[in-house]
C-alpha atoms as a PDB file:
ATOM      1  CA  MET A   1       0.000   0.000   0.000  1.00  0.00           C
ATOM      2  CA  ALA A   2       1.471   3.348  -1.083  1.00  0.00           C
ATOM      3  CA  THR A   3       0.590   6.397   1.033  1.00  0.00           C
ATOM      4  CA  LEU A   4       3.369   8.790  -0.089  1.00  0.00           C
ATOM      5  CA  ALA A   5       2.944  11.192   2.832  1.00  0.00           C
ATOM      6  CA  THR A   6       5.799  13.451   1.712  1.00  0.00           C
ATOM      7  CA  GLN A   7       4.311  13.889  -1.751  1.00  0.00           C
ATOM      8  CA  PHE A   8       0.861  14.679  -0.324  1.00  0.00           C
ATOM      9  CA  LYS A   9       2.359  17.336   1.922  1.00  0.00           C
ATOM     10  CA  ALA A  10       4.028  18.914  -1.114  1.00  0.00           C
ATOM     11  CA  ALA A  11       0.803  18.634  -3.136  1.00  0.00           C
ATOM     12  CA  LEU A  12      -1.118  20.583  -0.509  1.00  0.00           C
ATOM     13  CA  SER A  13       1.577  23.236  -0.640  1.00  0.00           C
ATOM     14  CA  ARG A  14       1.241  23.515  -4.432  1.00  0.00           C
ATOM     15  CA  ILE A  15      -2.478  24.275  -4.288  1.00  0.00           C
ATOM     16  CA  GLU A  16      -2.126  26.748  -1.422  1.00  0.00           C
ATOM     17  CA  PRO A  17      -3.089  30.253  -2.675  1.00  0.00           C
ATOM     18  CA  GLU A  18      -0.257  32.067  -0.912  1.00  0.00           C
ATOM     19  CA  VAL A  19       0.076  35.187  -3.079  1.00  0.00           C
ATOM     20  CA  ASP A  20      -3.658  35.320  -3.724  1.00  0.00           C
ATOM     21  CA  ALA A  21      -4.302  35.113   0.009  1.00  0.00           C
ATOM     22  CA  GLU A  22      -2.096  38.141   0.634  1.00  0.00           C
ATOM     23  CA  ASN A  23      -3.804  40.111  -2.136  1.00  0.00           C
ATOM     24  CA  ALA A  24      -7.258  39.030  -0.968  1.00  0.00           C
ATOM     25  CA  ALA A  25      -6.505  40.191   2.552  1.00  0.00           C
ATOM     26  CA  GLU A  26      -5.399  43.607   1.274  1.00  0.00           C
ATOM     27  CA  ALA A  27      -8.437  43.987  -1.013  1.00  0.00           C
ATOM     28  CA  HIS A  28     -10.775  43.012   1.820  1.00  0.00           C
ATOM     29  CA  LYS A  29      -9.094  45.519   4.120  1.00  0.00           C
ATOM     30  CA  LEU A  30      -9.533  48.373   1.617  1.00  0.00           C
ATOM     31  CA  VAL A  31     -13.185  47.598   0.907  1.00  0.00           C
ATOM     32  CA  THR A  32     -14.081  47.192   4.572  1.00  0.00           C
ATOM     33  CA  ALA A  33     -12.424  50.493   5.458  1.00  0.00           C
ATOM     34  CA  ALA A  34     -14.434  52.339   2.799  1.00  0.00           C
ATOM     35  CA  LEU A  35     -17.714  50.835   3.979  1.00  0.00           C
ATOM     36  CA  LYS A  36     -17.122  51.401   7.687  1.00  0.00           C
ATOM     37  CA  ALA A  37     -16.296  55.074   7.065  1.00  0.00           C
ATOM     38  CA  ASP A  38     -19.800  55.766   5.732  1.00  0.00           C
ATOM     39  CA  ASP A  39     -22.152  57.466   8.195  1.00  0.00           C
ATOM     40  CA  LYS A  40     -25.327  55.742   7.027  1.00  0.00           C
ATOM     41  CA  LEU A  41     -23.796  52.293   7.260  1.00  0.00           C
ATOM     42  CA  LYS A  42     -22.454  53.173  10.698  1.00  0.00           C
ATOM     43  CA  ARG A  43     -25.970  54.026  11.844  1.00  0.00           C
ATOM     44  CA  LEU A  44     -27.193  50.707  10.474  1.00  0.00           C
ATOM     45  CA  GLY A  45     -24.678  48.881  12.676  1.00  0.00           C
ATOM     46  CA  ILE A  46     -22.254  47.670  10.022  1.00  0.00           C
ATOM     47  CA  SER A  47     -19.915  44.780  10.745  1.00  0.00           C
ATOM     48  CA  THR A  48     -18.169  42.581   8.190  1.00  0.00           C
ATOM     49  CA  PHE A  49     -17.306  38.904   8.005  1.00  0.00           C
ATOM     50  CA  LEU A  50     -15.314  37.014   5.378  1.00  0.00           C
ATOM     51  CA  ILE A  51     -17.366  34.194   3.902  1.00  0.00           C
ATOM     52  CA  GLY A  52     -16.817  31.920   0.910  1.00  0.00           C
ATOM     53  CA  SER A  53     -13.969  29.451   0.465  1.00  0.00           C
ATOM     54  CA  TYR A  54     -11.339  32.108   1.198  1.00  0.00           C
ATOM     55  CA  GLY A  55     -13.045  33.048   4.458  1.00  0.00           C
ATOM     56  CA  ARG A  56     -13.231  29.394   5.498  1.00  0.00           C
ATOM     57  CA  GLN A  57      -9.577  28.866   4.497  1.00  0.00           C
ATOM     58  CA  VAL A  58     -10.454  26.052   2.088  1.00  0.00           C
ATOM     59  CA  SER A  59      -9.697  27.929  -1.137  1.00  0.00           C
ATOM     60  CA  ILE A  60      -7.101  26.609  -3.556  1.00  0.00           C
ATOM     61  CA  LYS A  61      -4.904  28.260  -6.134  1.00  0.00           C
ATOM     62  CA  ARG A  62      -6.235  30.526  -7.591  1.00  0.00           C
ATOM     63  CA  VAL A  63      -8.462  32.842  -5.575  1.00  0.00           C
ATOM     64  CA  LYS A  64     -10.434  34.901  -8.092  1.00  0.00           C
ATOM     65  CA  ASP A  65     -13.049  36.433  -5.790  1.00  0.00           C
ATOM     66  CA  VAL A  66     -13.468  37.296  -2.126  1.00  0.00           C
ATOM     67  CA  ASP A  67     -16.887  37.421  -0.473  1.00  0.00           C
ATOM     68  CA  VAL A  68     -17.480  40.014   2.229  1.00  0.00           C
ATOM     69  CA  PHE A  69     -20.663  39.588   4.259  1.00  0.00           C
ATOM     70  CA  VAL A  70     -21.809  43.047   5.378  1.00  0.00           C
ATOM     71  CA  ARG A  71     -24.157  42.717   8.345  1.00  0.00           C
ATOM     72  CA  LEU A  72     -26.364  45.684   9.153  1.00  0.00           C
ATOM     73  CA  ALA A  73     -27.418  44.699  12.664  1.00  0.00           C
ATOM     74  CA  LYS A  74     -29.640  47.737  13.279  1.00  0.00           C
ATOM     75  CA  ALA A  75     -31.529  47.508  10.003  1.00  0.00           C
ATOM     76  CA  THR A  76     -35.269  46.877  10.242  1.00  0.00           C
ATOM     77  CA  ASP A  77     -37.618  45.067   7.915  1.00  0.00           C
ATOM     78  CA  SER A  78     -38.276  48.395   6.201  1.00  0.00           C
ATOM     79  CA  LEU A  79     -34.825  48.305   4.584  1.00  0.00           C
ATOM     80  CA  ARG A  80     -35.243  47.697   0.860  1.00  0.00           C
ATOM     81  CA  PRO A  81     -32.625  45.738  -1.127  1.00  0.00           C
ATOM     82  CA  GLY A  82     -32.560  48.137  -4.070  1.00  0.00           C
ATOM     83  CA  GLU A  83     -32.157  51.163  -1.845  1.00  0.00           C
ATOM     84  CA  ILE A  84     -29.277  49.808   0.226  1.00  0.00           C
ATOM     85  CA  LEU A  85     -27.449  48.338  -2.756  1.00  0.00           C
ATOM     86  CA  ASP A  86     -27.703  51.705  -4.525  1.00  0.00           C
ATOM     87  CA  HIS A  87     -26.186  53.372  -1.490  1.00  0.00           C
ATOM     88  CA  VAL A  88     -23.388  50.827  -1.116  1.00  0.00           C
ATOM     89  CA  THR A  89     -22.616  51.123  -4.824  1.00  0.00           C
ATOM     90  CA  ASP A  90     -22.278  54.909  -4.488  1.00  0.00           C
ATOM     91  CA  VAL A  91     -20.012  54.568  -1.443  1.00  0.00           C
ATOM     92  CA  LEU A  92     -17.732  52.118  -3.186  1.00  0.00           C
ATOM     93  CA  GLU A  93     -17.634  54.064  -6.447  1.00  0.00           C
ATOM     94  CA  ASP A  94     -16.355  57.067  -4.527  1.00  0.00           C
ATOM     95  CA  ALA A  95     -13.544  54.931  -3.132  1.00  0.00           C
ATOM     96  CA  PHE A  96     -12.830  52.760  -6.191  1.00  0.00           C
ATOM     97  CA  LEU A  97     -13.714  54.809  -9.258  1.00  0.00           C
ATOM     98  CA  GLY A  98     -14.248  52.696 -12.364  1.00  0.00           C
ATOM     99  CA  GLN A  99     -13.850  49.417 -10.483  1.00  0.00           C
ATOM    100  CA  VAL A 100     -17.416  48.893  -9.217  1.00  0.00           C
ATOM    101  CA  THR A 101     -20.244  46.841 -10.711  1.00  0.00           C
ATOM    102  CA  ARG A 102     -23.666  46.507  -9.150  1.00  0.00           C
ATOM    103  CA  GLN A 103     -25.058  42.980  -9.393  1.00  0.00           C
ATOM    104  CA  HIS A 104     -28.386  41.340  -8.555  1.00  0.00           C
ATOM    105  CA  ARG A 105     -27.419  40.380  -5.019  1.00  0.00           C
ATOM    106  CA  SER A 106     -24.158  42.161  -4.360  1.00  0.00           C
ATOM    107  CA  VAL A 107     -21.711  44.857  -5.387  1.00  0.00           C
ATOM    108  CA  MET A 108     -18.471  43.761  -7.044  1.00  0.00           C
ATOM    109  CA  ILE A 109     -15.197  45.669  -6.847  1.00  0.00           C
ATOM    110  CA  ASP A 110     -12.543  44.673  -9.351  1.00  0.00           C
ATOM    111  CA  PHE A 111      -8.865  44.783  -8.357  1.00  0.00           C
ATOM    112  CA  PRO A 112      -7.012  44.344 -11.668  1.00  0.00           C
ATOM    113  CA  ASP A 113      -3.594  44.646 -10.050  1.00  0.00           C
ATOM    114  CA  PHE A 114      -4.444  41.629  -7.898  1.00  0.00           C
ATOM    115  CA  ASP A 115      -6.378  39.807 -10.652  1.00  0.00           C
ATOM    116  CA  LEU A 116      -9.276  39.236  -8.283  1.00  0.00           C
ATOM    117  CA  SER A 117     -12.533  40.865  -7.223  1.00  0.00           C
ATOM    118  CA  VAL A 118     -14.414  41.467  -3.984  1.00  0.00           C
ATOM    119  CA  ASP A 119     -18.143  40.766  -3.755  1.00  0.00           C
ATOM    120  CA  VAL A 120     -19.946  42.788  -1.085  1.00  0.00           C
ATOM    121  CA  VAL A 121     -23.085  40.998   0.112  1.00  0.00           C
ATOM    122  CA  ILE A 122     -25.502  43.120   2.163  1.00  0.00           C
ATOM    123  CA  ALA A 123     -27.499  41.454   4.946  1.00  0.00           C
ATOM    124  CA  ARG A 124     -30.152  42.542   7.396  1.00  0.00           C
ATOM    125  CA  PRO A 125     -31.300  40.621  10.501  1.00  0.00           C
ATOM    126  CA  CYS A 126     -33.674  37.783   9.681  1.00  0.00           C
ATOM    127  CA  VAL A 127     -37.153  38.523  10.977  1.00  0.00           C
ATOM    128  CA  ASP A 128     -38.560  35.981  13.488  1.00  0.00           C
ATOM    129  CA  HIS A 129     -35.587  33.645  13.157  1.00  0.00           C
ATOM    130  CA  PRO A 130     -32.461  32.798  15.200  1.00  0.00           C
ATOM    131  CA  ALA A 131     -30.103  35.685  15.893  1.00  0.00           C
ATOM    132  CA  GLU A 132     -27.354  34.469  13.575  1.00  0.00           C
ATOM    133  CA  HIS A 133     -29.686  34.048  10.609  1.00  0.00           C
ATOM    134  CA  TRP A 134     -29.643  36.879   8.089  1.00  0.00           C
ATOM    135  CA  GLN A 135     -31.455  37.933   4.955  1.00  0.00           C
ATOM    136  CA  ILE A 136     -29.770  38.905   1.702  1.00  0.00           C
ATOM    137  CA  PRO A 137     -31.347  40.214  -1.520  1.00  0.00           C
ATOM    138  CA  GLU A 138     -32.744  37.406  -3.633  1.00  0.00           C
ATOM    139  CA  LYS A 139     -32.984  39.405  -6.835  1.00  0.00           C
ATOM    140  CA  ILE A 140     -33.195  43.108  -7.598  1.00  0.00           C
ATOM    141  CA  GLU A 141     -35.731  43.985 -10.258  1.00  0.00           C
ATOM    142  CA  GLU A 142     -35.458  47.003 -12.557  1.00  0.00           C
ATOM    143  CA  ASP A 143     -37.815  49.022 -10.344  1.00  0.00           C
ATOM    144  CA  GLY A 144     -35.660  48.310  -7.298  1.00  0.00           C
ATOM    145  CA  ARG A 145     -38.156  45.932  -5.749  1.00  0.00           C
ATOM    146  CA  ALA A 146     -36.980  42.627  -4.415  1.00  0.00           C
ATOM    147  CA  THR A 147     -37.491  40.008  -1.754  1.00  0.00           C
ATOM    148  CA  TRP A 148     -35.039  38.864   0.854  1.00  0.00           C
ATOM    149  CA  ILE A 149     -33.837  35.295   1.289  1.00  0.00           C
ATOM    150  CA  GLU A 150     -32.681  33.686   4.526  1.00  0.00           C
ATOM    151  CA  THR A 151     -29.048  32.648   4.886  1.00  0.00           C
ATOM    152  CA  ASN A 152     -26.523  31.703   7.547  1.00  0.00           C
ATOM    153  CA  PRO A 153     -23.053  31.652   5.953  1.00  0.00           C
ATOM    154  CA  ILE A 154     -21.194  32.244   9.206  1.00  0.00           C
ATOM    155  CA  LYS A 155     -22.391  28.839  10.391  1.00  0.00           C
ATOM    156  CA  MET A 156     -20.397  27.081   7.663  1.00  0.00           C
ATOM    157  CA  SER A 157     -17.244  28.808   8.878  1.00  0.00           C
ATOM    158  CA  GLU A 158     -17.977  27.607  12.404  1.00  0.00           C
ATOM    159  CA  LEU A 159     -18.662  24.054  11.223  1.00  0.00           C
ATOM    160  CA  THR A 160     -15.414  24.040   9.232  1.00  0.00           C
ATOM    161  CA  THR A 161     -13.363  25.108  12.252  1.00  0.00           C
ATOM    162  CA  GLU A 162     -15.112  22.526  14.415  1.00  0.00           C
ATOM    163  CA  ALA A 163     -14.570  19.692  11.923  1.00  0.00           C
ATOM    164  CA  ASN A 164     -10.899  20.545  11.551  1.00  0.00           C
ATOM    165  CA  GLY A 165     -10.553  20.166  15.301  1.00  0.00           C
ATOM    166  CA  ASP A 166     -12.459  16.902  15.405  1.00  0.00           C
ATOM    167  CA  PHE A 167     -10.648  15.016  12.643  1.00  0.00           C
ATOM    168  CA  LEU A 168      -6.922  14.777  13.207  1.00  0.00           C
ATOM    169  CA  LEU A 169      -3.875  13.250  11.600  1.00  0.00           C
ATOM    170  CA  SER A 170      -0.743  13.168  13.753  1.00  0.00           C
ATOM    171  CA  GLY A 171      -2.390  15.717  16.041  1.00  0.00           C
ATOM    172  CA  THR A 172      -3.155  18.207  13.259  1.00  0.00           C
ATOM    173  CA  GLY A 173      -6.530  18.997  11.684  1.00  0.00           C
ATOM    174  CA  VAL A 174      -7.026  17.027   8.482  1.00  0.00           C
ATOM    175  CA  TYR A 175     -10.510  18.208   7.484  1.00  0.00           C
ATOM    176  CA  VAL A 176      -9.450  21.492   5.842  1.00  0.00           C
ATOM    177  CA  PRO A 177      -6.595  19.862   3.859  1.00  0.00           C
ATOM    178  CA  LEU A 178      -8.989  17.160   2.657  1.00  0.00           C
ATOM    179  CA  VAL A 179     -11.548  19.736   1.506  1.00  0.00           C
ATOM    180  CA  LYS A 180      -8.786  21.451  -0.476  1.00  0.00           C
ATOM    181  CA  LEU A 181      -7.869  18.155  -2.148  1.00  0.00           C
ATOM    182  CA  ILE A 182     -11.531  17.434  -2.926  1.00  0.00           C
ATOM    183  CA  ARG A 183     -11.852  20.880  -4.494  1.00  0.00           C
ATOM    184  CA  GLN A 184      -8.766  20.219  -6.608  1.00  0.00           C
ATOM    185  CA  ILE A 185     -10.177  16.877  -7.752  1.00  0.00           C
ATOM    186  CA  ARG A 186     -13.465  18.555  -8.673  1.00  0.00           C
ATOM    187  CA  ARG A 187     -11.592  21.104 -10.786  1.00  0.00           C
ATOM    188  CA  THR A 188      -9.713  18.315 -12.513  1.00  0.00           C
ATOM    189  CA  TRP A 189     -12.563  15.886 -13.116  1.00  0.00           C
ATOM    190  CA  VAL A 190     -15.784  17.942 -13.306  1.00  0.00           C
ATOM    191  CA  GLU A 191     -16.189  20.160 -16.352  1.00  0.00           C
ATOM    192  CA  ALA A 192     -18.121  23.049 -14.792  1.00  0.00           C
ATOM    193  CA  GLN A 193     -20.929  22.287 -12.355  1.00  0.00           C
ATOM    194  CA  PRO A 194     -21.654  21.498  -9.560  1.00  0.00           C
ATOM    195  CA  GLY A 195     -19.250  23.992  -8.033  1.00  0.00           C
ATOM    196  CA  GLY A 196     -16.706  23.823  -5.261  1.00  0.00           C
ATOM    197  CA  TYR A 197     -19.087  24.658  -2.411  1.00  0.00           C
ATOM    198  CA  TYR A 198     -21.404  21.827  -3.446  1.00  0.00           C
ATOM    199  CA  PHE A 199     -18.519  19.363  -3.118  1.00  0.00           C
ATOM    200  CA  GLU A 200     -17.414  20.963   0.138  1.00  0.00           C
ATOM    201  CA  VAL A 201     -20.852  20.266   1.616  1.00  0.00           C
ATOM    202  CA  LEU A 202     -20.685  16.664   0.403  1.00  0.00           C
ATOM    203  CA  ALA A 203     -17.261  16.289   2.012  1.00  0.00           C
ATOM    204  CA  TYR A 204     -18.546  17.767   5.274  1.00  0.00           C
ATOM    205  CA  GLN A 205     -21.490  15.359   5.367  1.00  0.00           C
ATOM    206  CA  ALA A 206     -19.214  12.411   4.568  1.00  0.00           C
ATOM    207  CA  PHE A 207     -16.959  13.282   7.507  1.00  0.00           C
ATOM    208  CA  GLN A 208     -19.910  13.708   9.858  1.00  0.00           C
ATOM    209  CA  ASP A 209     -21.642  10.493   8.836  1.00  0.00           C
ATOM    210  CA  LEU A 210     -18.604   8.235   8.574  1.00  0.00           C
ATOM    211  CA  GLN A 211     -16.487   9.689  11.402  1.00  0.00           C
ATOM    212  CA  PRO A 212     -13.319   8.372   9.694  1.00  0.00           C
ATOM    213  CA  THR A 213     -10.140   7.710  11.687  1.00  0.00           C
ATOM    214  CA  GLU A 214      -7.565   7.010   8.982  1.00  0.00           C
ATOM    215  CA  ASN A 215      -3.841   7.257   9.627  1.00  0.00           C
ATOM    216  CA  THR A 216      -2.799   8.775   6.273  1.00  0.00           C
ATOM    217  CA  VAL A 217      -3.950  11.532   3.945  1.00  0.00           C
ATOM    218  CA  ALA A 218      -4.333   8.892   1.233  1.00  0.00           C
ATOM    219  CA  GLY A 219      -6.610   6.867   3.485  1.00  0.00           C
ATOM    220  CA  TYR A 220      -8.830   9.832   4.336  1.00  0.00           C
ATOM    221  CA  LEU A 221      -9.004  10.906   0.700  1.00  0.00           C
ATOM    222  CA  CYS A 222     -10.088   7.463  -0.518  1.00  0.00           C
ATOM    223  CA  VAL A 223     -12.808   7.148   2.131  1.00  0.00           C
ATOM    224  CA  ILE A 224     -14.264  10.633   1.593  1.00  0.00           C
ATOM    225  CA  LEU A 225     -14.030  10.578  -2.206  1.00  0.00           C
ATOM    226  CA  ARG A 226     -15.755   7.183  -2.351  1.00  0.00           C
ATOM    227  CA  GLU A 227     -18.573   8.449  -0.122  1.00  0.00           C
ATOM    228  CA  ILE A 228     -19.035  11.526  -2.345  1.00  0.00           C
ATOM    229  CA  ALA A 229     -19.105   9.295  -5.430  1.00  0.00           C
ATOM    230  CA  ASP A 230     -21.756   7.085  -3.832  1.00  0.00           C
ATOM    231  CA  ARG A 231     -23.903  10.065  -2.792  1.00  0.00           C
ATOM    232  CA  LEU A 232     -23.853  12.132  -5.976  1.00  0.00           C
ATOM    233  CA  PRO A 233     -26.374  10.001  -7.924  1.00  0.00           C
ATOM    234  CA  ASP A 234     -28.907  10.636  -5.140  1.00  0.00           C
ATOM    235  CA  TYR A 235     -28.846  14.386  -5.788  1.00  0.00           C
ATOM    236  CA  VAL A 236     -29.829  14.526  -9.444  1.00  0.00           C
ATOM    237  CA  THR A 237     -33.248  16.026  -8.682  1.00  0.00           C
ATOM    238  CA  GLU A 238     -32.650  17.595  -5.259  1.00  0.00           C
ATOM    239  CA  GLY A 239     -29.433  18.770  -3.650  1.00  0.00           C
ATOM    240  CA  PRO A 240     -27.855  17.637  -0.381  1.00  0.00           C
ATOM    241  CA  ALA A 241     -29.101  18.961   2.940  1.00  0.00           C
ATOM    242  CA  ASP A 242     -27.872  22.421   3.867  1.00  0.00           C
ATOM    243  CA  PRO A 243     -25.791  22.090   7.071  1.00  0.00           C
ATOM    244  CA  THR A 244     -26.418  25.749   7.936  1.00  0.00           C
ATOM    245  CA  LEU A 245     -30.215  25.909   7.637  1.00  0.00           C
ATOM    246  CA  ASP A 246     -32.667  23.301   8.891  1.00  0.00           C
ATOM    247  CA  GLU A 247     -34.918  21.644   6.327  1.00  0.00           C
ATOM    248  CA  ARG A 248     -33.146  23.321   3.415  1.00  0.00           C
ATOM    249  CA  THR A 249     -31.117  21.849   0.588  1.00  0.00           C
ATOM    250  CA  ILE A 250     -28.121  23.207  -1.296  1.00  0.00           C
ATOM    251  CA  THR A 251     -29.018  24.858  -4.571  1.00  0.00           C
ATOM    252  CA  THR A 252     -26.778  24.682  -7.608  1.00  0.00           C
ATOM    253  CA  LYS A 253     -26.577  26.037 -11.135  1.00  0.00           C
ATOM    254  CA  ALA A 254     -25.945  22.499 -12.345  1.00  0.00           C
ATOM    255  CA  THR A 255     -28.520  20.818 -14.534  1.00  0.00           C
ATOM    256  CA  GLN A 256     -29.581  17.232 -13.924  1.00  0.00           C
ATOM    257  CA  GLU A 257     -27.393  16.182 -16.842  1.00  0.00           C
ATOM    258  CA  GLN A 258     -24.379  17.939 -15.324  1.00  0.00           C
ATOM    259  CA  ILE A 259     -24.885  16.260 -11.956  1.00  0.00           C
ATOM    260  CA  GLU A 260     -25.204  12.881 -13.643  1.00  0.00           C
ATOM    261  CA  ALA A 261     -22.014  13.550 -15.606  1.00  0.00           C
ATOM    262  CA  ALA A 262     -20.226  14.669 -12.426  1.00  0.00           C
ATOM    263  CA  ALA A 263     -21.374  11.503 -10.632  1.00  0.00           C
ATOM    264  CA  ASP A 264     -19.923   9.356 -13.418  1.00  0.00           C
ATOM    265  CA  ARG A 265     -16.620  11.216 -13.399  1.00  0.00           C
ATOM    266  CA  ILE A 266     -16.212  11.213  -9.624  1.00  0.00           C
ATOM    267  CA  ALA A 267     -16.944   7.486  -9.536  1.00  0.00           C
ATOM    268  CA  VAL A 268     -13.987   6.975 -11.882  1.00  0.00           C
ATOM    269  CA  ALA A 269     -11.861   9.309  -9.747  1.00  0.00           C
ATOM    270  CA  ALA A 270     -12.755   7.420  -6.564  1.00  0.00           C
ATOM    271  CA  GLN A 271     -11.727   4.122  -8.155  1.00  0.00           C
ATOM    272  CA  LEU A 272      -8.456   5.672  -9.314  1.00  0.00           C
ATOM    273  CA  ALA A 273      -7.741   6.870  -5.765  1.00  0.00           C
ATOM    274  CA  GLU A 274      -8.342   3.395  -4.375  1.00  0.00           C
ATOM    275  CA  ASP A 275      -6.137   1.862  -7.055  1.00  0.00           C
ATOM    276  CA  ALA A 276      -3.389   4.346  -6.179  1.00  0.00           C
ATOM    277  CA  ARG A 277      -3.688   3.541  -2.482  1.00  0.00           C
ATOM    278  CA  ASP A 278      -3.611  -0.216  -3.036  1.00  0.00           C
ATOM    279  CA  GLU A 279      -0.821  -0.193  -5.636  1.00  0.00           C
ATOM    280  CA  GLY A 280       2.299  -1.914  -4.275  1.00  0.00           C
ATOM    281  CA  ASP A 281       4.724  -0.198  -6.634  1.00  0.00           C
ATOM    282  CA  ILE A 282       5.635   3.276  -5.380  1.00  0.00           C
ATOM    283  CA  CYS A 283       6.154   4.798  -8.826  1.00  0.00           C
ATOM    284  CA  ALA A 284       2.990   3.334 -10.336  1.00  0.00           C
ATOM    285  CA  SER A 285       1.029   4.531  -7.311  1.00  0.00           C
ATOM    286  CA  ALA A 286       2.433   8.051  -7.554  1.00  0.00           C
ATOM    287  CA  LEU A 287       1.512   8.260 -11.226  1.00  0.00           C
ATOM    288  CA  LYS A 288      -2.096   7.417 -10.364  1.00  0.00           C
ATOM    289  CA  TRP A 289      -2.200  10.071  -7.620  1.00  0.00           C
ATOM    290  CA  GLN A 290      -0.776  12.527 -10.136  1.00  0.00           C
ATOM    291  CA  GLU A 291      -3.551  11.726 -12.601  1.00  0.00           C
ATOM    292  CA  LEU A 292      -6.173  12.069  -9.883  1.00  0.00           C
ATOM    293  CA  LEU A 293      -5.087  15.524  -8.698  1.00  0.00           C
ATOM    294  CA  GLY A 294      -4.227  16.934 -12.115  1.00  0.00           C
ATOM    295  CA  LYS A 295      -2.556  20.299 -12.581  1.00  0.00           C
ATOM    296  CA  THR A 296      -2.928  23.718 -11.032  1.00  0.00           C
ATOM    297  CA  GLN A 297      -5.389  25.821 -13.018  1.00  0.00           C
ATOM    298  CA  GLN A 298      -5.698  29.495 -13.947  1.00  0.00           C
ATOM    299  CA  THR A 299      -1.962  29.904 -13.367  1.00  0.00           C
ATOM    300  CA  ASP A 300       0.770  31.200 -15.666  1.00  0.00           C
ATOM    301  CA  LYS A 301       2.680  27.936 -15.355  1.00  0.00           C
ATOM    302  CA  PRO A 302       0.363  25.002 -14.629  1.00  0.00           C
ATOM    303  CA  GLU A 303       2.161  22.206 -12.813  1.00  0.00           C
ATOM    304  CA  TYR A 304       1.210  18.770 -11.603  1.00  0.00           C
ATOM    305  CA  VAL A 305      -0.130  19.007  -8.073  1.00  0.00           C
ATOM    306  CA  PHE A 306       1.294  15.620  -7.142  1.00  0.00           C
ATOM    307  CA  ALA A 307       4.977  15.299  -8.003  1.00  0.00           C
ATOM    308  CA  LEU A 308       6.539  11.902  -8.592  1.00  0.00           C
ATOM    309  CA  PRO A 309       9.285  10.768  -6.202  1.00  0.00           C
ATOM    310  CA  GLU A 310      12.808  11.418  -7.460  1.00  0.00           C
ATOM    311  CA  ALA A 311      13.310   7.697  -8.000  1.00  0.00           C
ATOM    312  CA  CYS A 312      10.490   7.586 -10.582  1.00  0.00           C
ATOM    313  CA  ASP A 313      10.459   8.431 -14.267  1.00  0.00           C
ATOM    314  CA  ALA A 314       7.608  10.440 -15.793  1.00  0.00           C
ATOM    315  CA  ASP A 315       5.956   7.244 -17.057  1.00  0.00           C
ATOM    316  CA  GLY A 316       5.646   5.885 -13.534  1.00  0.00           C
ATOM    317  CA  THR A 317       8.518   3.419 -13.774  1.00  0.00           C
ATOM    318  CA  GLU A 318      11.556   3.240 -11.553  1.00  0.00           C
ATOM    319  CA  LYS A 319      14.633   4.989 -12.881  1.00  0.00           C
ATOM    320  CA  PRO A 320      17.568   2.848 -13.976  1.00  0.00           C
ATOM    321  CA  MET A 321      20.338   2.108 -11.476  1.00  0.00           C
ATOM    322  CA  GLY A 322      17.852   2.043  -8.609  1.00  0.00           C
ATOM    323  CA  GLY A 323      16.823   5.635  -9.209  1.00  0.00           C
ATOM    324  CA  LEU A 324      20.342   7.035  -8.875  1.00  0.00           C
ATOM    325  CA  VAL A 325      21.380   9.852 -11.159  1.00  0.00           C
ATOM    326  CA  LYS A 326      24.424   8.953 -13.201  1.00  0.00           C
ATOM    327  CA  GLY A 327      27.530   9.958 -11.292  1.00  0.00           C
ATOM    328  CA  ALA A 328      25.713  10.257  -7.948  1.00  0.00           C
ATOM    329  CA  PRO A 329      27.138   8.466  -4.895  1.00  0.00           C
ATOM    330  CA  ALA A 330      25.758   5.018  -4.178  1.00  0.00           C
ATOM    331  CA  VAL A 331      23.229   4.419  -1.418  1.00  0.00           C
ATOM    332  CA  PRO A 332      24.978   2.759   1.557  1.00  0.00           C
ATOM    333  CA  ALA A 333      24.127  -0.886   2.162  1.00  0.00           C
ATOM    334  CA  GLY A 334      20.936  -1.295   4.164  1.00  0.00           C
ATOM    335  CA  ARG A 335      19.779   2.284   3.404  1.00  0.00           C
ATOM    336  CA  GLY A 336      17.134   1.934   0.708  1.00  0.00           C
ATOM    337  CA  ARG A 337      15.238   4.929  -0.648  1.00  0.00           C
ATOM    338  CA  TYR A 338      12.081   4.103   1.279  1.00  0.00           C
ATOM    339  CA  ALA A 339      13.710   2.873   4.478  1.00  0.00           C
END
């Protein structure tokens, strides 16, 4: 059985959005400062919270957008979506001239120097519901009229932190790294939809239901990916349960045909992961993991996420002379490469 712990550690490093994370933090800081300086938003009790994959620290290279949840704690049910989004748009246009686009549910600020954007989502307290439930605009019509829709995105951040503390590998949280790997596999194997959050929810439910206690990243990945593959066909007509709102399901832009196609592809990916785990030859195993995780995307220089061990050729075979480079010193007796 090949677990290749060193290669998995390096793979997680390759999909980490280090530069993007720095730029996202700066963009978020600038947008938040502009919003909190506005008198009207101050009176409405503004506070901000980072949501989305970046906010939950499960994003992978590259981060193209950052979601800022703008809570207006003192807003009443008289606050109209069109009115407040108009105001927020004006505030942001003053601060970021030529970079602002008003959307149906949010206001987007483009940061071309960072090659990413910030989406500002406005929320008011949810009427007659738990304190941490909020309402965001569902859709703004041309006349400015709209309805509000209930949401609770902060809960997913809390659940993510909790799960990463519950599921450990060598004393360190393994849930967040596994979600990142699942997101990378989705990018590699699923053409468009369902999106990353959909798969994140499936991964969360798999962890909660199975309560896995594997002793390697490879082991965790095989268990969770297989569970996702088994569940996907059940969600062709209705999505998985929403872990943040009772009696709700996750919505997706995916059509039934896209979900069926994704289920077929992920089933193949799950089998490939199990084959890689069970493969006795280190090089052949590594080549399968490399195929599973694919390459980094939306980068100037795409690279394989999973690098082969130095002893392996690109075709997954062991290099001649026991993997030694010509002219390199011999390995001392009793000191094999994998000892």
